[in-house]
N, C-alpha and C. Protein backbone atom coordinates (compact mmCIF):
# COMPACT_ATOMS: atom_id res chain seq x y z
N MET A 1 46.23 16.15 -33.21
CA MET A 1 45.09 16.63 -31.98
C MET A 1 43.52 16.35 -32.81
N ARG A 2 43.87 16.09 -34.17
CA ARG A 2 42.81 16.03 -35.69
C ARG A 2 42.75 14.46 -35.15
N ILE A 3 43.49 13.73 -35.28
CA ILE A 3 43.11 12.11 -34.75
C ILE A 3 42.44 12.43 -33.54
N ALA A 4 42.40 12.54 -32.69
CA ALA A 4 41.48 12.04 -31.52
C ALA A 4 40.35 12.97 -31.41
N THR A 5 39.71 13.56 -32.59
CA THR A 5 38.54 14.18 -32.82
C THR A 5 37.78 13.29 -33.64
N PRO A 6 38.32 13.03 -34.20
CA PRO A 6 36.79 11.67 -34.91
C PRO A 6 36.61 10.47 -33.81
N ILE A 7 38.01 10.21 -32.99
CA ILE A 7 38.04 9.67 -32.44
C ILE A 7 36.46 9.27 -30.65
N MET A 8 36.96 10.66 -30.53
CA MET A 8 36.31 11.08 -29.29
C MET A 8 34.63 11.20 -29.85
N ALA A 9 34.24 11.38 -31.53
CA ALA A 9 33.25 11.54 -31.48
C ALA A 9 32.56 10.16 -31.56
N ALA A 10 33.38 9.45 -32.05
CA ALA A 10 33.06 8.07 -32.97
C ALA A 10 32.51 7.76 -30.98
N LEU A 11 33.20 7.44 -30.37
CA LEU A 11 33.50 6.93 -28.70
C LEU A 11 31.93 7.46 -28.42
N ALA A 12 31.34 9.46 -28.09
CA ALA A 12 30.68 9.93 -28.07
C ALA A 12 29.04 9.16 -28.67
N LEU A 13 29.09 8.75 -30.08
CA LEU A 13 28.12 8.48 -30.52
C LEU A 13 27.81 7.17 -30.38
N GLY A 14 29.25 5.79 -30.18
CA GLY A 14 28.51 5.24 -30.21
C GLY A 14 27.92 5.10 -28.70
N ALA A 15 28.56 5.60 -27.47
CA ALA A 15 28.02 5.72 -26.06
C ALA A 15 26.57 6.19 -26.12
N CYS A 16 25.90 6.97 -26.94
CA CYS A 16 24.88 7.72 -27.12
C CYS A 16 24.11 6.54 -27.80
N THR A 17 24.38 6.08 -28.86
CA THR A 17 23.78 4.72 -29.11
C THR A 17 23.53 3.89 -28.75
N ALA A 18 24.17 3.26 -27.60
CA ALA A 18 24.17 2.16 -26.63
C ALA A 18 23.33 2.77 -25.65
N ASN A 19 23.30 4.18 -24.90
CA ASN A 19 22.11 4.42 -24.37
C ASN A 19 20.89 4.52 -24.25
N ALA A 20 20.80 4.74 -25.68
CA ALA A 20 19.34 5.04 -26.09
C ALA A 20 18.60 3.80 -26.58
N GLN A 21 19.04 2.54 -26.70
CA GLN A 21 19.13 1.02 -27.08
C GLN A 21 18.70 0.19 -25.60
N GLN A 22 20.13 1.24 -24.71
CA GLN A 22 19.24 0.23 -23.27
C GLN A 22 17.74 0.92 -22.80
N VAL A 23 17.58 1.89 -23.04
CA VAL A 23 15.70 2.93 -22.63
C VAL A 23 15.47 2.29 -23.65
N GLN A 24 15.60 2.13 -24.98
CA GLN A 24 14.30 1.35 -25.50
C GLN A 24 14.28 -0.08 -25.02
N SER A 25 15.48 -0.86 -25.21
CA SER A 25 15.23 -2.49 -24.43
C SER A 25 13.91 -2.47 -23.50
N ALA A 26 14.69 -1.13 -22.69
CA ALA A 26 13.57 -1.66 -20.76
C ALA A 26 12.59 -1.64 -21.79
N ALA A 27 11.96 -0.52 -22.31
CA ALA A 27 10.19 -0.22 -22.29
C ALA A 27 10.34 -1.25 -23.56
N ALA A 28 10.89 -2.09 -23.94
CA ALA A 28 10.76 -3.65 -25.05
C ALA A 28 10.05 -4.69 -24.29
N THR A 29 10.68 -4.92 -22.78
CA THR A 29 10.79 -6.10 -21.94
C THR A 29 9.56 -5.79 -21.48
N CYS A 30 8.29 -5.43 -20.83
CA CYS A 30 7.62 -4.87 -20.18
C CYS A 30 6.62 -5.64 -21.50
N ASP A 31 5.78 -6.87 -20.83
CA ASP A 31 4.78 -7.50 -21.53
C ASP A 31 3.82 -7.15 -21.72
N LEU A 32 3.38 -6.42 -19.99
CA LEU A 32 1.95 -6.41 -19.70
C LEU A 32 1.52 -4.90 -20.37
N THR A 33 -0.05 -5.08 -20.19
CA THR A 33 -0.64 -4.71 -20.69
C THR A 33 -1.24 -2.88 -19.41
N PRO A 34 -1.31 -2.14 -19.55
CA PRO A 34 -1.41 -0.63 -18.73
C PRO A 34 -2.66 -1.47 -17.50
N LYS A 35 -3.91 -2.38 -17.99
CA LYS A 35 -4.21 -2.78 -17.15
C LYS A 35 -3.81 -3.46 -16.96
N GLN A 36 -2.80 -4.50 -16.85
CA GLN A 36 -2.42 -5.66 -16.02
C GLN A 36 -1.03 -4.89 -15.35
N VAL A 37 -0.89 -3.81 -15.15
CA VAL A 37 0.08 -2.31 -14.42
C VAL A 37 -0.70 -2.37 -13.31
N VAL A 38 -1.34 -1.76 -13.46
CA VAL A 38 -2.29 -0.89 -12.43
C VAL A 38 -3.10 -1.71 -11.58
N THR A 39 -4.01 -2.77 -12.55
CA THR A 39 -3.78 -3.81 -11.45
C THR A 39 -2.76 -5.27 -9.76
N ARG A 40 -1.89 -4.58 -11.01
CA ARG A 40 -0.92 -5.58 -9.87
C ARG A 40 -0.39 -4.36 -9.12
N PHE A 41 -0.61 -2.93 -9.89
CA PHE A 41 -0.18 -2.25 -8.66
C PHE A 41 -0.75 -1.91 -7.66
N MET A 42 -2.23 -1.85 -7.94
CA MET A 42 -2.90 -1.60 -6.92
C MET A 42 -3.99 -2.73 -6.15
N THR A 43 -3.52 -3.74 -6.53
CA THR A 43 -3.32 -4.49 -5.37
C THR A 43 -2.39 -4.91 -3.89
N GLN A 44 -1.51 -4.84 -5.21
CA GLN A 44 0.18 -4.25 -3.59
C GLN A 44 0.37 -2.82 -2.83
N PHE A 45 -0.67 -2.30 -3.96
CA PHE A 45 -1.03 -1.11 -2.40
C PHE A 45 -1.83 -0.82 -1.81
N TYR A 46 -3.10 -1.10 -2.52
CA TYR A 46 -4.57 -0.70 -1.46
C TYR A 46 -5.09 -2.31 -1.01
N ILE A 47 -4.93 -3.70 -1.53
CA ILE A 47 -5.25 -4.54 -0.47
C ILE A 47 -3.89 -5.47 0.03
N GLU A 48 -2.92 -5.02 -0.02
CA GLU A 48 -1.76 -5.64 0.31
C GLU A 48 -0.71 -4.40 1.48
N LYS A 49 -1.35 -3.74 1.01
CA LYS A 49 -0.83 -2.27 1.84
C LYS A 49 0.99 -2.25 1.68
N ASP A 50 1.10 -2.38 1.17
CA ASP A 50 2.39 -2.48 0.69
C ASP A 50 2.69 -1.63 -0.15
N VAL A 51 2.87 -0.18 0.82
CA VAL A 51 3.14 1.20 0.05
C VAL A 51 4.36 0.86 -1.05
N ARG A 52 5.20 0.44 -0.35
CA ARG A 52 7.44 1.00 -0.52
C ARG A 52 6.58 0.02 -1.16
N GLY A 53 7.01 -0.93 -1.55
CA GLY A 53 6.66 -1.90 -2.70
C GLY A 53 6.58 -1.98 -3.37
N ALA A 54 5.02 -1.44 -3.60
CA ALA A 54 3.66 -1.29 -4.37
C ALA A 54 5.11 -0.38 -5.65
N PHE A 55 5.19 1.04 -4.67
CA PHE A 55 5.35 2.56 -5.72
C PHE A 55 6.98 2.37 -6.33
N GLU A 56 8.18 1.19 -5.59
CA GLU A 56 9.15 0.74 -5.79
C GLU A 56 9.16 0.01 -7.30
N THR A 57 7.87 -0.78 -7.49
CA THR A 57 8.10 -1.61 -8.21
C THR A 57 7.34 -1.25 -9.73
N TRP A 58 6.47 -0.17 -9.30
CA TRP A 58 5.58 0.02 -10.35
C TRP A 58 5.26 1.34 -11.23
N VAL A 59 6.09 2.29 -10.00
CA VAL A 59 5.47 4.11 -10.04
C VAL A 59 6.82 4.45 -10.66
N ASP A 60 6.63 5.68 -11.47
CA ASP A 60 8.13 5.84 -12.53
C ASP A 60 8.78 7.27 -11.52
N PRO A 61 9.90 7.41 -11.08
CA PRO A 61 10.45 8.10 -9.76
C PRO A 61 9.78 9.50 -10.18
N GLY A 62 9.61 9.84 -11.29
CA GLY A 62 8.90 10.91 -12.00
C GLY A 62 7.73 11.25 -11.68
N TYR A 63 6.87 10.42 -11.26
CA TYR A 63 5.58 9.86 -10.94
C TYR A 63 4.66 11.66 -10.52
N ILE A 64 3.99 11.97 -11.72
CA ILE A 64 3.33 13.19 -11.25
C ILE A 64 1.79 13.19 -10.69
N GLN A 65 1.53 13.98 -10.37
CA GLN A 65 0.78 13.69 -8.76
C GLN A 65 -0.06 15.22 -8.59
N HIS A 66 -1.85 15.14 -9.49
CA HIS A 66 -2.46 16.34 -9.51
C HIS A 66 -3.45 16.12 -8.77
N ASN A 67 -2.90 14.97 -7.34
CA ASN A 67 -4.34 15.70 -6.19
C ASN A 67 -3.71 17.07 -5.48
N PRO A 68 -4.85 18.18 -5.69
CA PRO A 68 -4.30 19.17 -4.65
C PRO A 68 -3.55 18.94 -3.23
N MET A 69 -3.59 17.64 -3.26
CA MET A 69 -3.39 17.49 -1.37
C MET A 69 -2.01 16.68 -1.42
N ALA A 70 -1.54 16.32 -2.21
CA ALA A 70 -0.41 15.40 -2.05
C ALA A 70 0.85 16.39 -2.84
N LYS A 71 1.80 15.92 -2.71
CA LYS A 71 2.81 16.46 -3.33
C LYS A 71 3.25 15.30 -4.30
N THR A 72 3.82 15.75 -5.20
CA THR A 72 4.74 15.45 -6.67
C THR A 72 5.70 14.28 -6.42
N GLY A 73 6.10 13.60 -6.96
CA GLY A 73 6.96 12.71 -6.83
C GLY A 73 6.57 11.27 -6.32
N ARG A 74 7.53 10.20 -6.27
CA ARG A 74 6.70 8.74 -6.01
C ARG A 74 7.14 8.45 -4.61
N ASP A 75 8.78 9.28 -4.32
CA ASP A 75 9.16 9.05 -2.84
C ASP A 75 8.47 10.19 -2.11
N ALA A 76 7.13 10.85 -2.45
CA ALA A 76 6.32 12.38 -1.60
C ALA A 76 5.45 10.45 -1.40
N ALA A 77 5.08 9.88 -2.76
CA ALA A 77 3.90 9.19 -2.32
C ALA A 77 4.63 8.41 -0.96
N ILE A 78 4.84 7.52 -1.15
CA ILE A 78 5.40 7.10 0.02
C ILE A 78 5.81 7.49 1.09
N ALA A 79 6.37 8.50 1.64
CA ALA A 79 6.55 9.26 2.42
C ALA A 79 4.60 9.62 3.56
N PHE A 80 3.95 9.81 2.08
CA PHE A 80 3.04 10.20 2.79
C PHE A 80 1.62 8.90 3.12
N LEU A 81 2.18 8.59 1.91
CA LEU A 81 0.96 6.41 2.37
C LEU A 81 1.30 6.26 3.64
N GLU A 82 2.62 5.04 3.59
CA GLU A 82 3.59 4.62 4.44
C GLU A 82 2.84 4.82 6.10
N PRO A 83 3.47 6.11 6.43
CA PRO A 83 2.52 6.56 7.62
C PRO A 83 0.99 6.67 7.58
N PHE A 84 -0.01 6.86 6.80
CA PHE A 84 -1.40 7.15 6.55
C PHE A 84 -1.58 5.82 7.42
N PHE A 85 -1.16 4.90 6.38
CA PHE A 85 -1.84 2.98 6.29
C PHE A 85 -0.98 2.71 7.60
N ALA A 86 0.51 2.90 8.68
CA ALA A 86 0.70 2.57 9.57
C ALA A 86 -0.36 3.08 11.11
N SER A 87 -1.03 4.67 10.45
CA SER A 87 -1.31 4.91 11.82
C SER A 87 -2.89 4.81 11.81
N ASN A 88 -3.67 3.66 10.77
CA ASN A 88 -5.15 3.98 10.93
C ASN A 88 -5.14 1.82 10.11
N PRO A 89 -4.66 0.97 11.19
CA PRO A 89 -4.58 -0.41 10.42
C PRO A 89 -5.84 -0.63 9.92
N ASN A 90 -6.49 -0.43 10.57
CA ASN A 90 -7.91 -1.05 10.09
C ASN A 90 -8.74 -0.57 8.81
N VAL A 91 -8.30 -0.27 7.68
CA VAL A 91 -8.40 0.83 6.97
C VAL A 91 -8.25 -0.27 5.17
N ARG A 92 -8.73 -0.25 4.44
CA ARG A 92 -9.67 -1.15 3.92
C ARG A 92 -10.20 -0.64 2.73
N TYR A 93 -9.00 -1.33 1.90
CA TYR A 93 -9.78 -0.98 0.45
C TYR A 93 -11.04 -2.55 -0.52
N GLN A 94 -11.33 -2.15 -1.36
CA GLN A 94 -11.79 -3.12 -2.26
C GLN A 94 -12.16 -2.77 -3.70
N ILE A 95 -10.98 -3.28 -4.42
CA ILE A 95 -11.07 -3.14 -6.03
C ILE A 95 -12.71 -3.44 -6.57
N LYS A 96 -13.44 -2.83 -7.18
CA LYS A 96 -14.78 -3.12 -7.87
C LYS A 96 -14.56 -2.62 -8.88
N ARG A 97 -14.02 -2.34 -9.82
CA ARG A 97 -13.72 -2.40 -11.42
C ARG A 97 -12.16 -1.44 -11.53
N VAL A 98 -11.23 -2.19 -13.37
CA VAL A 98 -10.73 -1.79 -13.82
C VAL A 98 -10.62 -1.13 -14.86
N ILE A 99 -10.62 -0.09 -15.58
CA ILE A 99 -11.36 0.37 -16.67
C ILE A 99 -10.15 0.67 -17.89
N ALA A 100 -9.89 -0.01 -19.34
CA ALA A 100 -8.69 1.05 -19.17
C ALA A 100 -8.68 1.13 -20.88
N ASP A 101 -8.14 2.27 -21.17
CA ASP A 101 -7.92 3.02 -22.47
C ASP A 101 -7.29 3.70 -23.59
N GLY A 102 -6.17 2.80 -23.89
CA GLY A 102 -5.30 3.09 -23.92
C GLY A 102 -4.23 3.01 -22.65
N ASP A 103 -3.00 4.05 -22.50
CA ASP A 103 -2.18 4.35 -21.50
C ASP A 103 -3.08 4.29 -20.05
N LEU A 104 -4.07 5.32 -20.13
CA LEU A 104 -5.10 5.60 -19.26
C LEU A 104 -5.99 3.95 -18.79
N VAL A 105 -5.83 4.46 -17.34
CA VAL A 105 -6.51 3.43 -16.03
C VAL A 105 -6.74 3.95 -15.86
N ALA A 106 -8.82 3.33 -15.10
CA ALA A 106 -9.59 3.56 -14.18
C ALA A 106 -10.14 2.71 -13.42
N VAL A 107 -9.65 2.53 -11.77
CA VAL A 107 -9.44 1.88 -10.55
C VAL A 107 -10.92 2.72 -9.97
N ARG A 108 -11.71 1.66 -10.22
CA ARG A 108 -13.21 2.44 -9.05
C ARG A 108 -12.91 1.11 -8.00
N ALA A 109 -12.80 1.55 -6.67
CA ALA A 109 -12.78 0.42 -5.46
C ALA A 109 -13.39 0.95 -4.66
N HIS A 110 -13.80 1.20 -3.71
CA HIS A 110 -14.73 1.19 -1.74
C HIS A 110 -13.65 0.85 -0.89
N GLY A 111 -13.16 2.47 -0.21
CA GLY A 111 -12.58 2.32 0.60
C GLY A 111 -13.23 2.36 2.49
N GLN A 112 -13.01 2.38 3.43
CA GLN A 112 -13.41 2.03 4.74
C GLN A 112 -12.29 1.93 5.78
N PHE A 113 -12.73 2.98 6.57
CA PHE A 113 -11.63 2.71 7.70
C PHE A 113 -11.94 2.15 8.62
N GLY A 114 -12.81 1.54 9.12
CA GLY A 114 -13.69 0.62 9.50
C GLY A 114 -14.87 -0.39 9.53
N ALA A 115 -15.05 -1.18 9.84
CA ALA A 115 -16.32 -2.21 9.27
C ALA A 115 -17.37 -1.28 9.69
N GLU A 116 -17.90 -0.54 10.20
CA GLU A 116 -18.94 0.45 10.80
C GLU A 116 -19.10 1.33 9.58
N ASP A 117 -17.42 1.55 9.43
CA ASP A 117 -17.95 2.86 8.37
C ASP A 117 -17.88 2.68 6.65
N ARG A 118 -18.88 3.28 6.22
CA ARG A 118 -20.14 3.34 5.20
C ARG A 118 -18.33 3.76 3.80
N GLY A 119 -17.53 4.17 4.36
CA GLY A 119 -16.62 4.51 3.29
C GLY A 119 -16.66 5.41 2.29
N ILE A 120 -16.29 5.06 1.43
CA ILE A 120 -16.16 6.60 0.40
C ILE A 120 -15.79 5.27 -1.30
N ALA A 121 -15.73 6.16 -2.12
CA ALA A 121 -16.13 5.87 -3.55
C ALA A 121 -14.70 6.76 -3.79
N VAL A 122 -14.07 5.72 -4.67
CA VAL A 122 -13.05 6.15 -5.14
C VAL A 122 -12.36 6.19 -5.97
N VAL A 123 -11.89 7.27 -7.31
CA VAL A 123 -11.81 6.28 -8.62
C VAL A 123 -10.45 7.08 -8.99
N ASP A 124 -9.43 6.23 -8.79
CA ASP A 124 -8.27 6.39 -9.69
C ASP A 124 -7.66 6.44 -10.99
N ILE A 125 -7.19 7.54 -11.73
CA ILE A 125 -6.78 7.00 -12.96
C ILE A 125 -5.81 7.82 -13.36
N LEU A 126 -5.58 6.57 -14.28
CA LEU A 126 -3.40 6.23 -13.70
C LEU A 126 -3.30 6.86 -15.45
N ARG A 127 -1.71 7.22 -15.63
CA ARG A 127 -1.27 6.67 -16.73
C ARG A 127 -0.18 6.33 -16.78
N VAL A 128 0.12 5.43 -17.69
CA VAL A 128 1.36 4.02 -17.28
C VAL A 128 1.81 3.97 -19.05
N ASP A 129 3.76 4.01 -18.49
CA ASP A 129 4.23 4.13 -19.74
C ASP A 129 5.52 2.72 -19.78
N GLY A 130 5.39 1.73 -21.08
CA GLY A 130 5.56 0.46 -19.98
C GLY A 130 5.51 0.01 -19.61
N CYS A 131 5.89 -0.31 -18.55
CA CYS A 131 5.82 -1.08 -16.63
C CYS A 131 5.56 -0.22 -16.22
N LYS A 132 5.56 1.37 -16.37
CA LYS A 132 5.96 2.46 -14.89
C LYS A 132 4.07 3.42 -14.94
N VAL A 133 3.83 3.00 -13.74
CA VAL A 133 2.67 4.67 -13.33
C VAL A 133 3.40 5.46 -14.14
N MET A 134 2.90 6.48 -14.53
CA MET A 134 3.68 7.81 -14.86
C MET A 134 2.87 8.97 -14.00
N GLU A 135 1.13 9.03 -13.53
CA GLU A 135 0.99 10.38 -13.43
C GLU A 135 -0.64 10.02 -12.63
N HIS A 136 -1.30 10.60 -12.20
CA HIS A 136 -2.32 10.02 -11.26
C HIS A 136 -3.38 10.73 -10.64
N TRP A 137 -4.61 11.18 -10.96
CA TRP A 137 -5.57 11.73 -10.88
C TRP A 137 -6.49 10.98 -9.65
N ASP A 138 -7.14 11.38 -8.78
CA ASP A 138 -8.31 10.44 -8.30
C ASP A 138 -9.71 12.27 -7.67
N VAL A 139 -11.18 11.20 -7.77
CA VAL A 139 -11.86 11.94 -7.17
C VAL A 139 -12.25 10.69 -6.67
N VAL A 140 -13.00 11.51 -5.03
CA VAL A 140 -13.30 10.48 -3.96
C VAL A 140 -14.97 11.50 -3.48
N GLN A 141 -15.75 10.26 -3.37
CA GLN A 141 -17.57 10.86 -3.06
C GLN A 141 -17.64 9.71 -1.76
N PRO A 142 -18.33 9.97 -0.78
CA PRO A 142 -18.22 10.07 0.98
C PRO A 142 -19.69 8.91 0.46
N VAL A 143 -19.87 7.63 0.56
CA VAL A 143 -21.39 6.85 0.82
C VAL A 143 -22.42 7.33 1.52
N PRO A 144 -22.67 7.82 0.99
CA PRO A 144 -23.91 8.13 1.12
C PRO A 144 -24.63 7.78 2.73
N GLU A 145 -26.33 7.22 3.34
CA GLU A 145 -26.31 6.75 4.82
C GLU A 145 -27.24 6.04 3.66
N THR A 146 -28.22 7.31 2.55
CA THR A 146 -29.32 6.98 2.42
C THR A 146 -29.12 7.86 1.11
N SER A 147 -30.02 6.68 -0.29
CA SER A 147 -30.03 6.93 -1.61
C SER A 147 -31.52 7.08 -2.29
N ALA A 148 -31.67 7.79 -2.93
CA ALA A 148 -33.24 7.97 -3.75
C ALA A 148 -32.68 7.50 -4.49
N ASN A 149 -32.02 6.16 -5.18
CA ASN A 149 -31.82 4.69 -5.56
C ASN A 149 -31.98 3.60 -5.22
N ASP A 150 -32.47 2.59 -5.42
CA ASP A 150 -31.76 1.37 -4.82
C ASP A 150 -30.46 0.26 -5.70
N ASN A 151 -29.83 1.21 -7.01
CA ASN A 151 -28.81 0.90 -7.19
C ASN A 151 -27.82 0.94 -6.69
N GLY A 152 -27.37 1.26 -5.92
CA GLY A 152 -25.93 0.90 -4.74
C GLY A 152 -25.54 1.96 -5.34
N MET A 153 -23.95 2.21 -5.20
CA MET A 153 -22.73 2.98 -5.87
C MET A 153 -21.94 1.66 -5.96
N PHE A 154 -22.19 0.43 -6.07
CA PHE A 154 -20.27 -0.15 -6.33
C PHE A 154 -21.36 -1.69 -6.74
């Protein structure tokens, strides 16, 4: 029994070390910047409307959602957004600007439900770790019919 205990301890330590190396290796294999990750994710999601593909490729399963109207988690996002895009085929998003600060990336976009719709201005803020979107916040503002200035929203 005394011989088995050191062997078991060595095997357990080896398994933990191998697991830690796999996690480090997976994180080290991401050669993209957070801005590149988010740009690829948002293009696939917003522009190509490939909700499932975008989320399964670029979003961590433990995705944290801060929008109080949406459930947290990658699967919850897919379950909400796939039917939304399917039932609103004329929804169109244009990415206007992508700004990065460390692991946080802000995406400014113009969303419209139809050609005649003035639409909404959206700012999505995403936190990235490795090549995965981990967390999301958003701010949405309707595009008004008139403006007090001539600068435009975009």
